Protein backbone atom coordinates (compact mmCIF):
# COMPACT_ATOMS: atom_id res chain seq x y z
CA MET A 1 127.13 95.29 100.39
CA GLU A 2 124.30 97.53 98.53
CA ASN A 3 124.79 95.32 95.22
CA GLU A 4 124.12 92.05 97.22
CA THR A 5 121.32 93.93 99.26
CA LEU A 6 119.60 94.51 95.82
CA LYS A 7 120.33 91.29 93.96
CA GLN A 8 118.38 89.08 97.28
CA CYS A 9 115.49 92.05 96.80
CA GLU A 10 115.17 90.94 93.10
CA GLN A 11 115.61 87.25 93.91
CA VAL A 12 112.35 87.21 96.65
CA ALA A 13 110.91 89.53 94.20
CA GLN A 14 111.03 86.90 91.55
CA SER A 15 109.81 84.43 93.91
CA TRP A 16 106.81 86.66 93.70
CA LEU A 17 106.57 86.29 90.07
CA ASP A 18 106.89 82.78 89.95
CA SER A 19 104.96 81.61 92.67
CA PRO A 20 100.76 80.65 91.58
CA LEU A 21 99.87 81.63 94.77
CA TYR A 22 100.00 85.23 94.84
CA ASP A 23 97.26 87.22 93.13
CA ALA A 24 97.29 89.20 89.53
CA GLU A 25 97.54 92.52 91.32
CA THR A 26 99.86 91.80 93.67
CA LYS A 27 102.31 90.50 90.49
CA ALA A 28 101.40 93.42 87.82
CA GLY A 29 103.52 95.53 91.28
CA VAL A 30 106.28 93.27 91.43
CA LYS A 31 106.89 93.32 87.84
CA ALA A 32 106.59 97.15 87.83
CA MET A 33 109.44 97.67 90.70
CA LEU A 34 111.56 94.76 89.43
CA GLU A 35 111.57 97.03 85.77
CA ASN A 36 111.68 100.61 87.57
CA GLU A 37 115.64 101.99 86.68
CA ASP A 38 115.53 103.48 90.45
CA LYS A 39 114.90 99.76 92.64
CA THR A 40 114.98 102.09 95.95
CA PRO A 41 111.14 100.40 96.25
CA LEU A 42 112.15 97.14 94.80
CA ILE A 43 114.85 97.83 98.26
CA ASP A 44 112.09 98.35 100.37
CA ALA A 45 109.38 96.48 99.49
CA PHE A 46 111.50 93.46 99.95
CA TYR A 47 114.82 94.42 101.50
CA ARG A 48 113.38 92.27 104.75
CA SER A 49 109.89 90.85 106.18
CA LEU A 50 107.55 92.89 107.86
CA GLU A 51 108.18 92.06 111.24
CA PHE A 52 105.44 91.11 113.19
CA GLY A 53 106.39 92.64 116.58
CA THR A 54 104.71 92.67 120.34
CA GLY A 55 101.90 95.98 119.05
CA GLY A 56 101.39 93.20 115.34
CA LEU A 57 102.48 95.05 112.32
CA ARG A 58 102.57 98.39 111.02
CA GLY A 59 103.80 99.26 107.62
CA ILE A 60 102.73 101.09 103.71
CA MET A 61 100.38 98.70 102.25
CA GLY A 62 101.82 97.81 98.72
CA PRO A 63 103.09 94.46 97.59
CA GLY A 64 106.35 93.16 99.16
CA THR A 65 107.73 91.27 102.34
CA ASN A 66 108.15 94.69 103.96
CA ARG A 67 104.23 95.79 102.91
CA MET A 68 101.16 95.47 104.62
CA ASN A 69 98.62 92.89 102.41
CA ILE A 70 96.45 90.64 102.63
CA TYR A 71 99.56 87.70 102.18
CA THR A 72 101.96 89.27 105.83
CA MET A 73 98.83 89.99 106.87
CA GLY A 74 97.70 86.57 106.59
CA ALA A 75 100.43 85.33 107.08
CA ALA A 76 100.21 87.16 110.87
CA THR A 77 96.52 85.70 110.80
CA GLN A 78 97.71 82.22 110.22
CA GLY A 79 100.47 82.23 112.72
CA LEU A 80 98.09 84.05 115.64
CA SER A 81 95.21 81.03 115.03
CA ASN A 82 98.62 78.88 114.70
CA TYR A 83 99.58 79.89 118.87
CA LEU A 84 95.61 79.75 119.57
CA ASN A 85 94.95 76.60 119.00
CA LYS A 86 97.85 75.86 120.73
CA ASN A 87 97.18 77.93 123.98
CA PHE A 88 93.88 77.18 124.21
CA LYS A 89 93.45 73.23 123.02
CA ASP A 90 90.95 72.45 125.67
CA LEU A 91 88.37 74.90 125.06
CA ASP A 92 85.15 74.05 123.19
CA GLU A 93 85.55 76.86 121.27
CA ILE A 94 87.72 79.16 120.99
CA LYS A 95 86.62 83.03 119.69
CA VAL A 96 88.37 85.96 118.30
CA VAL A 97 86.77 89.56 117.44
CA VAL A 98 87.41 91.51 114.47
CA GLY A 99 87.35 95.29 114.53
CA HIS A 100 88.77 97.40 111.94
CA ASP A 101 89.51 101.39 110.94
CA SER A 102 88.17 103.52 107.90
CA ARG A 103 91.55 103.03 106.05
CA ASN A 104 92.11 102.23 102.80
CA ASN A 105 91.75 98.31 102.24
CA SER A 106 90.83 97.97 105.65
CA ARG A 107 87.68 96.20 105.13
CA LEU A 108 89.33 93.60 102.77
CA PHE A 109 91.87 92.67 105.24
CA ALA A 110 89.12 92.35 108.37
CA GLU A 111 87.40 90.51 105.98
CA THR A 112 90.46 88.05 104.62
CA ALA A 113 91.86 87.92 108.30
CA ALA A 114 87.79 86.30 109.61
CA ASN A 115 87.93 83.96 106.87
CA ILE A 116 91.33 82.50 107.93
CA PHE A 117 90.63 82.24 111.35
CA SER A 118 87.30 80.95 110.94
CA ALA A 119 89.22 78.44 108.29
CA ASN A 120 90.95 77.13 111.13
CA GLY A 121 88.23 76.23 112.99
CA ILE A 122 88.26 79.64 115.36
CA LYS A 123 84.76 81.01 115.52
CA VAL A 124 85.02 84.93 114.62
CA TYR A 125 82.76 88.07 115.94
CA LEU A 126 83.19 90.52 113.13
CA PHE A 127 81.83 93.97 113.48
CA ASP A 128 79.51 95.45 110.82
CA ASP A 129 81.48 98.68 109.72
CA MET A 130 84.70 100.69 110.49
CA ARG A 131 84.81 100.76 114.93
CA PRO A 132 87.08 103.01 117.14
CA THR A 133 89.53 100.18 118.33
CA PRO A 134 88.46 100.51 122.55
CA GLU A 135 85.43 98.86 121.27
CA MET A 136 86.89 96.23 120.65
CA SER A 137 89.15 95.78 123.32
CA PHE A 138 85.53 95.79 124.69
CA ALA A 139 84.15 93.54 122.99
CA ILE A 140 86.51 90.65 123.62
CA ARG A 141 86.24 91.40 127.62
CA HIS A 142 82.13 91.42 126.88
CA LEU A 143 81.94 88.21 124.62
CA GLY A 144 84.48 85.67 126.60
CA CYS A 145 87.11 86.47 123.74
CA GLN A 146 90.53 84.47 124.11
CA SER A 147 92.10 86.85 121.52
CA GLY A 148 91.23 90.07 119.21
CA ILE A 149 92.29 92.41 116.47
CA ILE A 150 91.87 95.30 115.25
CA LEU A 151 93.15 96.41 111.15
CA THR A 152 94.75 100.25 112.01
CA ALA A 153 97.37 102.46 111.28
CA SER A 154 96.67 104.69 114.39
CA HIS A 155 97.35 108.24 113.59
CA ASN A 156 99.82 107.82 110.50
CA PRO A 157 99.59 108.56 107.23
CA LYS A 158 97.57 107.25 104.58
CA GLU A 159 100.24 104.74 102.51
CA TYR A 160 100.25 102.76 106.09
CA ASN A 161 97.96 100.16 107.64
CA GLY A 162 98.59 97.64 110.58
CA TYR A 163 97.67 95.20 112.43
CA LYS A 164 97.16 94.88 116.21
CA ALA A 165 96.43 91.56 118.51
CA TYR A 166 94.92 91.42 122.12
CA TRP A 167 94.56 88.62 124.05
CA ASP A 168 92.08 87.59 126.35
CA ASP A 169 91.75 90.65 129.26
CA GLY A 170 91.15 92.85 126.21
CA ALA A 171 95.21 94.03 126.13
CA GLN A 172 97.54 94.10 123.43
CA VAL A 173 100.14 90.94 123.34
CA LEU A 174 102.20 90.30 126.38
CA ALA A 175 104.70 88.44 127.26
CA PRO A 176 105.33 85.26 127.22
CA HIS A 177 102.59 84.94 124.04
CA ASP A 178 103.51 87.80 122.34
CA LYS A 179 106.96 85.84 121.77
CA GLY A 180 105.19 82.45 120.90
CA ILE A 181 103.09 84.13 118.72
CA ILE A 182 105.84 85.67 116.75
CA ASP A 183 107.10 81.81 116.56
CA GLU A 184 104.49 81.04 115.32
CA VAL A 185 104.56 83.88 112.59
CA ASN A 186 107.41 83.39 111.23
CA LYS A 187 107.47 79.54 110.86
CA VAL A 188 103.90 80.53 108.50
CA SER A 189 104.76 79.99 104.83
CA VAL A 190 102.42 81.59 101.98
CA ALA A 191 101.59 78.35 101.56
CA ASP A 192 100.49 77.69 104.64
CA ILE A 193 97.69 80.02 105.44
CA ARG A 194 93.99 78.65 105.25
CA PHE A 195 92.45 82.12 102.97
CA GLU A 196 89.08 79.75 102.12
CA GLY A 197 86.72 80.68 105.46
CA LYS A 198 83.84 79.39 106.97
CA PRO A 199 80.92 80.93 106.48
CA GLU A 200 79.36 79.03 109.99
CA LEU A 201 82.00 80.27 111.73
CA ILE A 202 81.73 84.49 111.28
CA GLU A 203 79.22 86.16 113.17
CA ILE A 204 78.37 89.51 112.23
CA ILE A 205 78.15 91.86 115.36
CA GLY A 206 77.36 95.84 115.90
CA LYS A 207 74.81 98.08 117.32
CA GLU A 208 74.24 95.61 120.47
CA ILE A 209 77.71 96.01 120.92
CA ASP A 210 77.62 99.59 120.78
CA ASP A 211 74.91 99.80 123.17
CA ILE A 212 75.91 98.03 125.92
CA TYR A 213 79.60 99.44 125.39
CA LEU A 214 78.50 103.15 125.60
CA GLU A 215 75.95 102.72 128.31
CA LYS A 216 79.51 101.23 130.84
CA VAL A 217 81.53 104.74 129.22
CA HIS A 218 78.06 106.81 130.65
CA THR A 219 78.69 105.09 134.31
CA LEU A 220 82.05 106.56 134.28
CA SER A 221 80.12 110.67 135.30
CA ILE A 222 81.46 111.52 138.04
CA ASP A 223 79.16 114.77 138.26
CA PRO A 224 76.17 114.28 135.82
CA GLU A 225 74.32 117.24 137.96
CA CYS A 226 76.67 120.28 137.17
CA ILE A 227 76.36 117.83 133.34
CA ALA A 228 72.33 118.91 133.50
CA ARG A 229 73.76 122.55 134.72
CA GLN A 230 76.15 123.23 131.58
CA LYS A 231 73.75 120.71 129.30
CA ASP A 232 74.50 123.73 126.32
CA LEU A 233 78.15 123.68 126.65
CA LYS A 234 79.28 124.73 122.98
CA ILE A 235 81.18 121.46 121.68
CA VAL A 236 83.06 121.53 118.02
CA TYR A 237 84.00 117.56 118.13
CA THR A 238 85.94 116.27 114.55
CA PRO A 239 86.61 112.38 114.10
CA LEU A 240 89.41 113.50 110.91
CA HIS A 241 87.21 110.91 108.79
CA GLY A 242 87.72 108.01 111.52
CA THR A 243 86.01 105.75 113.78
CA GLY A 244 84.96 108.39 115.91
CA LYS A 245 81.76 108.80 113.94
CA MET A 246 80.79 105.63 115.00
CA LEU A 247 80.41 106.46 118.69
CA ILE A 248 81.60 109.94 120.34
CA PRO A 249 79.14 112.02 118.95
CA GLN A 250 76.51 109.29 120.28
CA SER A 251 78.14 109.06 123.70
CA LEU A 252 77.76 112.90 124.67
CA LYS A 253 74.81 112.45 123.81
CA ILE A 254 73.90 109.78 125.94
CA TRP A 255 75.93 111.44 128.86
CA GLY A 256 73.54 115.09 128.69
CA PHE A 257 75.56 117.62 126.26
CA GLU A 258 73.05 119.07 123.75
CA ASN A 259 75.15 120.94 121.19
CA VAL A 260 77.37 118.90 119.83
CA ASN A 261 78.78 120.58 117.03
CA THR A 262 80.69 118.54 114.35
CA VAL A 263 82.86 119.29 111.19
CA PRO A 264 81.08 117.86 108.47
CA GLU A 265 83.00 117.13 105.59
CA GLN A 266 85.75 115.53 107.81
CA MET A 267 82.75 112.99 109.55
CA ILE A 268 82.81 111.62 106.26
CA PRO A 269 84.66 108.27 106.53
CA ASP A 270 88.04 108.27 103.96
CA GLY A 271 91.02 106.23 103.84
CA ASN A 272 93.19 109.39 102.21
CA PHE A 273 92.11 112.20 104.78
CA PRO A 274 91.72 114.59 102.22
CA THR A 275 91.15 117.84 104.18
CA VAL A 276 94.29 117.07 107.34
CA VAL A 277 97.86 116.34 105.38
CA SER A 278 98.06 113.89 108.28
CA PRO A 279 94.87 112.44 110.87
CA ASN A 280 97.27 113.38 113.86
CA PRO A 281 95.60 115.21 116.53
CA GLU A 282 99.27 115.82 117.54
CA ASN A 283 99.51 117.93 114.80
CA GLY A 284 97.95 121.43 115.04
CA GLU A 285 96.91 121.66 111.88
CA ALA A 286 94.49 118.67 111.67
CA LEU A 287 92.35 120.39 114.26
CA SER A 288 92.26 123.67 111.61
CA MET A 289 88.99 122.59 110.89
CA ALA A 290 87.25 122.07 114.07
CA LEU A 291 88.84 125.42 115.18
CA ASP A 292 87.27 127.36 112.22
CA LEU A 293 84.79 126.05 112.81
CA ALA A 294 84.57 126.47 116.50
CA LYS A 295 85.17 130.68 115.96
CA LYS A 296 82.79 130.62 114.20
CA LEU A 297 80.61 128.86 116.59
CA ASP A 298 82.84 131.06 119.97
CA ALA A 299 82.81 127.17 121.14
CA ASP A 300 83.65 125.71 124.54
CA ILE A 301 86.03 123.12 123.55
CA VAL A 302 87.47 121.70 120.38
CA MET A 303 88.04 117.82 120.38
CA ALA A 304 89.80 115.42 117.77
CA SER A 305 89.95 111.44 117.84
CA ASP A 306 92.42 109.79 115.94
CA PRO A 307 91.19 107.10 112.81
CA ASP A 308 90.47 104.70 115.09
CA ALA A 309 89.32 106.55 118.05
CA ASP A 310 91.72 105.19 120.46
CA ARG A 311 93.39 109.02 120.91
CA VAL A 312 91.84 112.17 121.17
CA GLY A 313 94.03 116.06 120.40
CA MET A 314 91.83 118.73 122.25
CA ALA A 315 92.01 123.34 122.20
CA CYS A 316 90.42 125.54 124.12
CA LYS A 317 90.39 129.26 124.77
CA ASN A 318 93.44 131.56 126.66
CA ASP A 319 92.61 133.87 129.22
CA LYS A 320 92.80 136.18 126.03
CA GLY A 321 89.75 134.34 124.22
CA GLU A 322 92.37 132.92 122.13
CA TRP A 323 92.56 129.51 121.19
CA VAL A 324 95.70 127.62 121.93
CA LEU A 325 96.12 123.99 122.17
CA ILE A 326 96.66 121.69 124.81
CA ASP A 327 99.46 118.72 124.82
CA GLY A 328 99.21 115.25 125.32
CA ASN A 329 100.86 116.26 128.60
CA GLN A 330 98.35 118.18 130.12
CA THR A 331 95.51 116.09 128.38
CA CYS A 332 96.57 113.21 130.84
CA MET A 333 97.59 115.79 133.82
CA ILE A 334 94.30 117.81 133.65
CA PHE A 335 92.02 114.24 133.29
CA LEU A 336 93.48 112.53 136.60
CA TYR A 337 93.35 115.95 137.98
CA TYR A 338 89.62 115.89 137.79
CA ILE A 339 89.26 112.57 138.72
CA ILE A 340 91.60 112.50 141.75
CA MET A 341 89.62 116.10 143.43
CA ASN A 342 86.35 115.46 141.87
CA ARG A 343 86.28 111.43 143.45
CA LYS A 344 87.70 113.38 146.85
CA ALA A 345 84.71 115.94 147.09
CA GLN A 346 82.07 113.56 145.76
CA GLY A 347 83.21 111.57 148.63
CA LYS A 348 83.98 108.78 146.17
CA MET A 349 87.47 107.98 147.54
CA GLN A 350 88.03 104.20 149.08
CA GLY A 351 91.92 104.49 149.62
CA ASN A 352 92.61 101.49 147.40
CA GLU A 353 93.06 103.95 144.38
CA PHE A 354 95.65 104.24 141.40
CA ILE A 355 96.71 106.20 138.20
CA VAL A 356 99.61 105.08 135.82
CA LYS A 357 100.91 107.45 133.38
CA THR A 358 104.64 105.98 130.80
CA ILE A 359 107.76 107.06 132.19
CA VAL A 360 108.15 109.76 129.81
CA THR A 361 105.21 111.58 130.83
CA THR A 362 105.15 114.63 132.74
CA GLU A 363 106.74 114.07 136.47
CA LEU A 364 103.80 116.72 137.71
CA ILE A 365 101.37 113.64 137.46
CA LYS A 366 103.39 112.14 140.06
CA ALA A 367 103.44 115.72 142.43
CA ILE A 368 99.98 115.73 141.83
CA ALA A 369 98.83 111.30 142.55
CA ASP A 370 101.73 112.26 145.33
CA LYS A 371 99.97 115.24 147.27
CA ASN A 372 96.50 113.64 147.44
CA ASN A 373 98.28 110.69 148.60
CA ILE A 374 97.02 108.58 145.46
CA LYS A 375 99.26 105.29 143.95
CA MET A 376 101.02 105.99 141.34
CA TYR A 377 102.72 103.21 138.73
CA ASP A 378 105.13 104.20 136.09
CA CYS A 379 105.15 102.07 133.11
CA TYR A 380 107.00 101.70 129.72
CA THR A 381 105.56 103.58 126.94
CA GLY A 382 102.55 101.98 125.33
CA PHE A 383 99.19 101.29 127.20
CA LYS A 384 99.52 97.77 126.95
CA TRP A 385 102.05 98.19 130.06
CA ILE A 386 98.88 100.44 131.56
CA ALA A 387 97.05 97.37 131.09
CA ARG A 388 98.75 95.37 132.53
CA GLN A 389 99.24 97.23 135.87
CA ILE A 390 95.37 97.33 135.85
CA ARG A 391 95.48 93.04 135.78
CA LEU A 392 98.09 93.01 137.74
CA ASP A 393 96.12 94.57 140.79
CA GLU A 394 92.69 93.71 139.72
CA GLY A 395 90.90 92.52 142.74
CA LYS A 396 92.71 94.55 145.09
CA LEU A 397 92.88 98.19 143.81
CA GLN A 398 90.62 100.19 141.97
CA TYR A 399 92.21 101.81 138.76
CA ILE A 400 90.38 105.19 138.04
CA GLY A 401 92.77 106.51 135.22
CA GLY A 402 95.70 106.19 133.32
CA GLY A 403 97.62 107.91 130.28
CA GLU A 404 100.20 109.31 127.91
CA GLU A 405 102.21 111.91 126.58
CA SER A 406 100.71 110.58 122.86
CA TYR A 407 97.13 111.90 123.63
CA GLY A 408 96.38 108.29 125.51
CA PHE A 409 93.64 108.17 127.81
CA LEU A 410 91.91 105.76 129.72
CA ALA A 411 89.31 106.63 132.63
CA GLU A 412 88.01 102.54 132.93
CA ASP A 413 89.14 99.29 133.16
CA PHE A 414 86.76 97.52 130.75
CA VAL A 415 88.73 98.42 128.17
CA ARG A 416 91.93 97.93 128.08
CA ASP A 417 93.28 99.70 125.76
CA LYS A 418 93.02 103.76 125.14
CA ASP A 419 90.34 105.56 125.18
CA ALA A 420 88.82 108.30 122.95
CA VAL A 421 85.09 107.36 123.55
CA SER A 422 85.22 107.78 126.34
CA ALA A 423 88.37 110.79 127.43
CA CYS A 424 85.58 112.95 124.59
CA SER A 425 83.18 112.15 127.60
CA LEU A 426 84.63 112.99 130.21
CA LEU A 427 86.42 116.01 128.93
CA ALA A 428 82.98 117.55 128.61
CA GLU A 429 82.27 116.87 131.19
CA ILE A 430 85.55 119.07 132.82
CA CYS A 431 84.74 121.83 131.14
CA ALA A 432 81.04 121.40 131.80
CA TRP A 433 82.00 121.39 135.71
CA ALA A 434 84.98 124.54 134.57
CA LYS A 435 82.42 126.39 133.40
CA ASP A 436 80.05 125.73 136.81
CA ASN A 437 82.87 126.97 138.71
CA GLY A 438 83.10 130.36 136.34
CA LYS A 439 85.98 128.78 134.28
CA THR A 440 87.52 127.82 131.54
CA LEU A 441 89.98 124.31 130.85
CA TYR A 442 92.91 126.64 130.72
CA ASP A 443 92.19 128.01 133.94
CA VAL A 444 91.85 124.81 135.16
CA LEU A 445 95.36 123.78 133.54
CA MET A 446 96.37 127.21 135.41
CA ASP A 447 95.46 126.25 138.77
CA ILE A 448 97.22 122.92 138.85
CA TYR A 449 100.29 124.98 137.06
CA LYS A 450 99.89 127.09 140.04
CA GLU A 451 99.49 124.58 143.16
CA TYR A 452 102.05 122.38 141.27
CA GLY A 453 104.44 123.71 139.11
CA LEU A 454 105.08 124.43 135.73
CA SER A 455 106.15 122.07 133.73
CA VAL A 456 106.99 122.18 129.71
CA ASN A 457 107.14 118.77 127.48
CA LYS A 458 108.23 118.86 124.02
CA THR A 459 108.88 115.89 122.09
CA ILE A 460 111.56 116.43 119.11
CA ASN A 461 110.39 113.53 116.28
CA VAL A 462 113.87 113.31 114.43
CA VAL A 463 112.34 111.17 110.61
CA LYS A 464 115.02 108.72 109.24
CA PRO A 465 113.65 106.90 106.72
CA GLY A 466 114.04 103.35 105.21
CA LYS A 467 117.12 100.57 106.47
CA SER A 468 119.90 103.44 106.08
CA GLY A 469 117.55 105.02 108.80
CA ALA A 470 116.78 102.25 110.23
CA ASP A 471 120.64 102.02 110.73
CA GLU A 472 121.78 105.37 111.74
CA ILE A 473 118.80 105.16 114.29
CA LYS A 474 120.47 102.15 116.20
CA ALA A 475 123.76 104.03 115.80
CA MET A 476 122.26 106.97 117.81
CA MET A 477 121.15 104.39 120.68
CA GLU A 478 124.96 103.25 121.18
CA ASN A 479 126.41 106.34 120.89
CA PHE A 480 124.70 107.73 123.91
CA ARG A 481 124.82 104.17 125.71
CA ALA A 482 128.96 104.30 124.78
CA ASN A 483 128.52 108.17 125.60
CA ARG A 484 126.67 109.48 128.49
CA PRO A 485 125.92 113.40 128.88
CA THR A 486 127.15 114.44 131.85
CA GLU A 487 125.25 117.87 131.57
CA LEU A 488 122.72 119.33 129.47
CA ALA A 489 122.22 122.66 128.61
CA GLY A 490 124.92 123.82 131.07
CA SER A 491 123.24 121.35 134.44
CA LYS A 492 124.90 118.18 135.35
CA VAL A 493 123.09 115.27 134.66
CA VAL A 494 122.71 113.24 138.16
CA CYS A 495 120.81 110.01 136.91
CA THR A 496 121.34 107.82 133.63
CA LYS A 497 118.63 104.92 133.38
CA ASP A 498 119.47 102.86 130.34
CA PHE A 499 116.43 100.40 130.65
CA GLY A 500 118.06 98.18 128.12
CA THR A 501 120.34 96.87 130.66
CA LEU A 502 118.08 97.56 133.25
CA THR A 503 120.77 99.69 134.96
CA ALA A 504 120.63 103.42 136.72
CA TYR A 505 123.86 105.50 137.02
CA ASP A 506 124.38 108.05 139.65
CA ALA A 507 127.04 111.44 138.53
CA ASP A 508 129.93 108.99 139.61
CA GLY A 509 128.62 106.47 137.17
CA ASN A 510 128.10 103.79 140.21
CA ALA A 511 125.08 101.28 138.92
CA THR A 512 121.66 100.22 140.45
CA PRO A 513 119.58 97.63 138.85
CA LEU A 514 116.01 99.22 137.72
CA ASP A 515 112.40 97.24 138.44
CA MET A 516 110.70 96.96 135.15
CA PRO A 517 109.23 93.68 133.86
CA GLU A 518 111.29 93.46 130.93
CA ALA A 519 114.60 95.90 129.23
CA SER A 520 113.64 97.98 126.58
CA ASN A 521 115.66 100.44 124.08
CA VAL A 522 115.25 103.33 126.58
CA LEU A 523 117.90 106.09 127.67
CA GLN A 524 116.55 108.98 130.46
CA TRP A 525 118.83 111.26 132.08
CA TYR A 526 118.17 113.98 135.06
CA THR A 527 119.80 117.06 135.98
CA GLU A 528 120.60 119.40 138.59
CA ASP A 529 117.72 121.66 138.44
CA GLY A 530 114.88 118.91 136.97
CA THR A 531 115.28 118.54 133.63
CA LYS A 532 113.81 115.14 132.20
CA VAL A 533 114.79 113.67 128.66
CA SER A 534 114.20 110.62 127.72
CA VAL A 535 115.34 109.41 124.01
CA ARG A 536 113.63 105.72 122.39
CA PRO A 537 113.66 104.08 118.54
CA SER A 538 110.04 104.88 118.09
CA GLY A 539 108.09 101.13 117.49
CA THR A 540 105.83 101.68 114.84
CA GLU A 541 107.43 104.99 112.86
CA PRO A 542 110.45 105.63 110.97
CA LYS A 543 111.52 107.59 113.64
CA ILE A 544 114.00 108.46 116.77
CA LYS A 545 112.11 110.25 119.35
CA PHE A 546 113.53 112.69 122.25
CA TYR A 547 110.68 113.80 125.37
CA MET A 548 112.09 116.47 126.66
CA GLU A 549 110.49 117.90 130.25
CA VAL A 550 112.05 120.99 131.62
CA LYS A 551 110.67 123.07 134.68
CA GLY A 552 109.56 126.81 134.37
CA ALA A 553 108.38 129.18 137.68
CA MET A 554 104.58 131.52 137.70
CA LYS A 555 102.90 132.61 140.77
CA CYS A 556 99.86 133.18 138.01
CA ALA A 557 98.43 132.80 134.99
CA CYS A 558 99.54 136.14 133.49
CA GLU A 559 103.51 134.94 133.91
CA TYR A 560 102.73 131.21 132.23
CA GLU A 561 103.51 132.61 128.66
CA ALA A 562 106.60 134.54 129.67
CA ALA A 563 107.62 131.02 131.85
CA ARG A 564 106.43 129.14 129.13
CA GLU A 565 108.84 130.85 126.32
CA GLU A 566 112.18 130.32 129.05
CA ALA A 567 111.72 126.31 129.58
CA LEU A 568 111.01 125.96 125.56
CA LYS A 569 114.65 128.35 125.36
CA LYS A 570 115.95 126.20 127.48
CA VAL A 571 114.44 123.20 125.13
CA GLU A 572 116.87 124.34 122.27
CA ALA A 573 119.65 124.25 124.35
CA VAL A 574 118.96 120.61 125.77
CA LYS A 575 118.77 119.93 121.64
CA ALA A 576 121.96 121.16 120.90
CA SER A 577 124.10 119.61 123.77
CA LEU A 578 122.62 116.30 122.30
CA GLY A 579 123.78 117.26 119.28
CA ILE A 580 120.39 117.00 117.45
């Protein structure tokens, strides 16, 4: 089988060398892989075609069918163009927005995509420089476009790039258009790609969109008076060499914050992300330079956005004055708690509000929503599902916030993807409000735990790279389905949810259907003692993810650390039960 795979890879690679359609640099890279004694790079680059999935493309950059390059990205753009021209054939003009982040090749890919769209008769609004993903989402709606793309691999390592496709509502593409676009992309050969652009159909956009977007973001401020009182709040911010630099310091200034300190080395856009191991605000290491600056300045809050500025990581001081990281579940919970409590306090609630979280995000958010009589929806992982719920309730209910455990939050409905620009601005307001009340962000978190109960969340990533890794992940999911756990860490499993078959099972094996928009490769187990475990293969990286939530008990903030340690021991016991 391995010899057969190698043979196929060599044949495809040779066809790239023989074809006049590929450039000299690409051919040189392919030739080097063919001549290399170690055939692993060749197999990884050619064993499959980089799949245009429901979220677009994401992969390692380089030559090959399984790599991000102008040809795989070009085929995706040509397929999307074909679909747009079919789907919107009655419009006088079809329009798209093209944006990109700070990654290596992102500008090249963005300009190449703009040329391909224009060559297919589609009007293109191309940003003049890197911009946050949420601004691209906003621009689709603001400019009345039918689609948009952004070239980004979010928080992936520097070797990666990606391509996200959006629809006319500013959200990532969903059914039926996702499958329709995929079908068109799969039909495209390199010979079909129209690389020669029509410059008259490409319009460069920039500051004029920034200004309108930032003005809209400012309308989300709930308590501007407390900001005025706490305008000197000491903020440390880093964009991690990414697009947040373009708008987040400016947004904080517009909101009224006058003491914003940035990490100078990380304000330099750089696709190699030289000051971090990984530009991921989920990783504490990525915040280390910001934390050093915060200690030096005795700051109130540290915040970091990922390279495309759709997610925010944060740190604050605990009750001992030590800097601690706030995880994605806590972040989402703090945002929604503040929005609900302060909208209520200011009489801004109309009674038709709703919030959204993903199925793997902490259940404490549901407890907060229930106690405050706010409607809450659970949806699949990925902001396109939160955006879908906003669209379904548009004009009927008022969306006031939604988020997921992976550090993404959206406070508004004029953007339809997670937004670190508004999240950082709102986070600063929450800190100002806390300080106005003689508290810190950490105190707010403790207040939530005291009122709603302690819940400790831990995500375990099991990385399995390459083709062999993909096979292993598939086998793990099949095994979990075939052999449902009956207990986790000594507590009986009382409910299993299989979103792949849209079926829930009780402890006796009785089945009931799950009401979700489509099937998804996710499994969940709930135990008698309130533990929740979710498992799913990552859609963007070579890993399988386990999301664990265990309950703890604390009566006051002084008990938090001990209660958390006890809960983390249970997480280890759950891992042992699952053999990971």
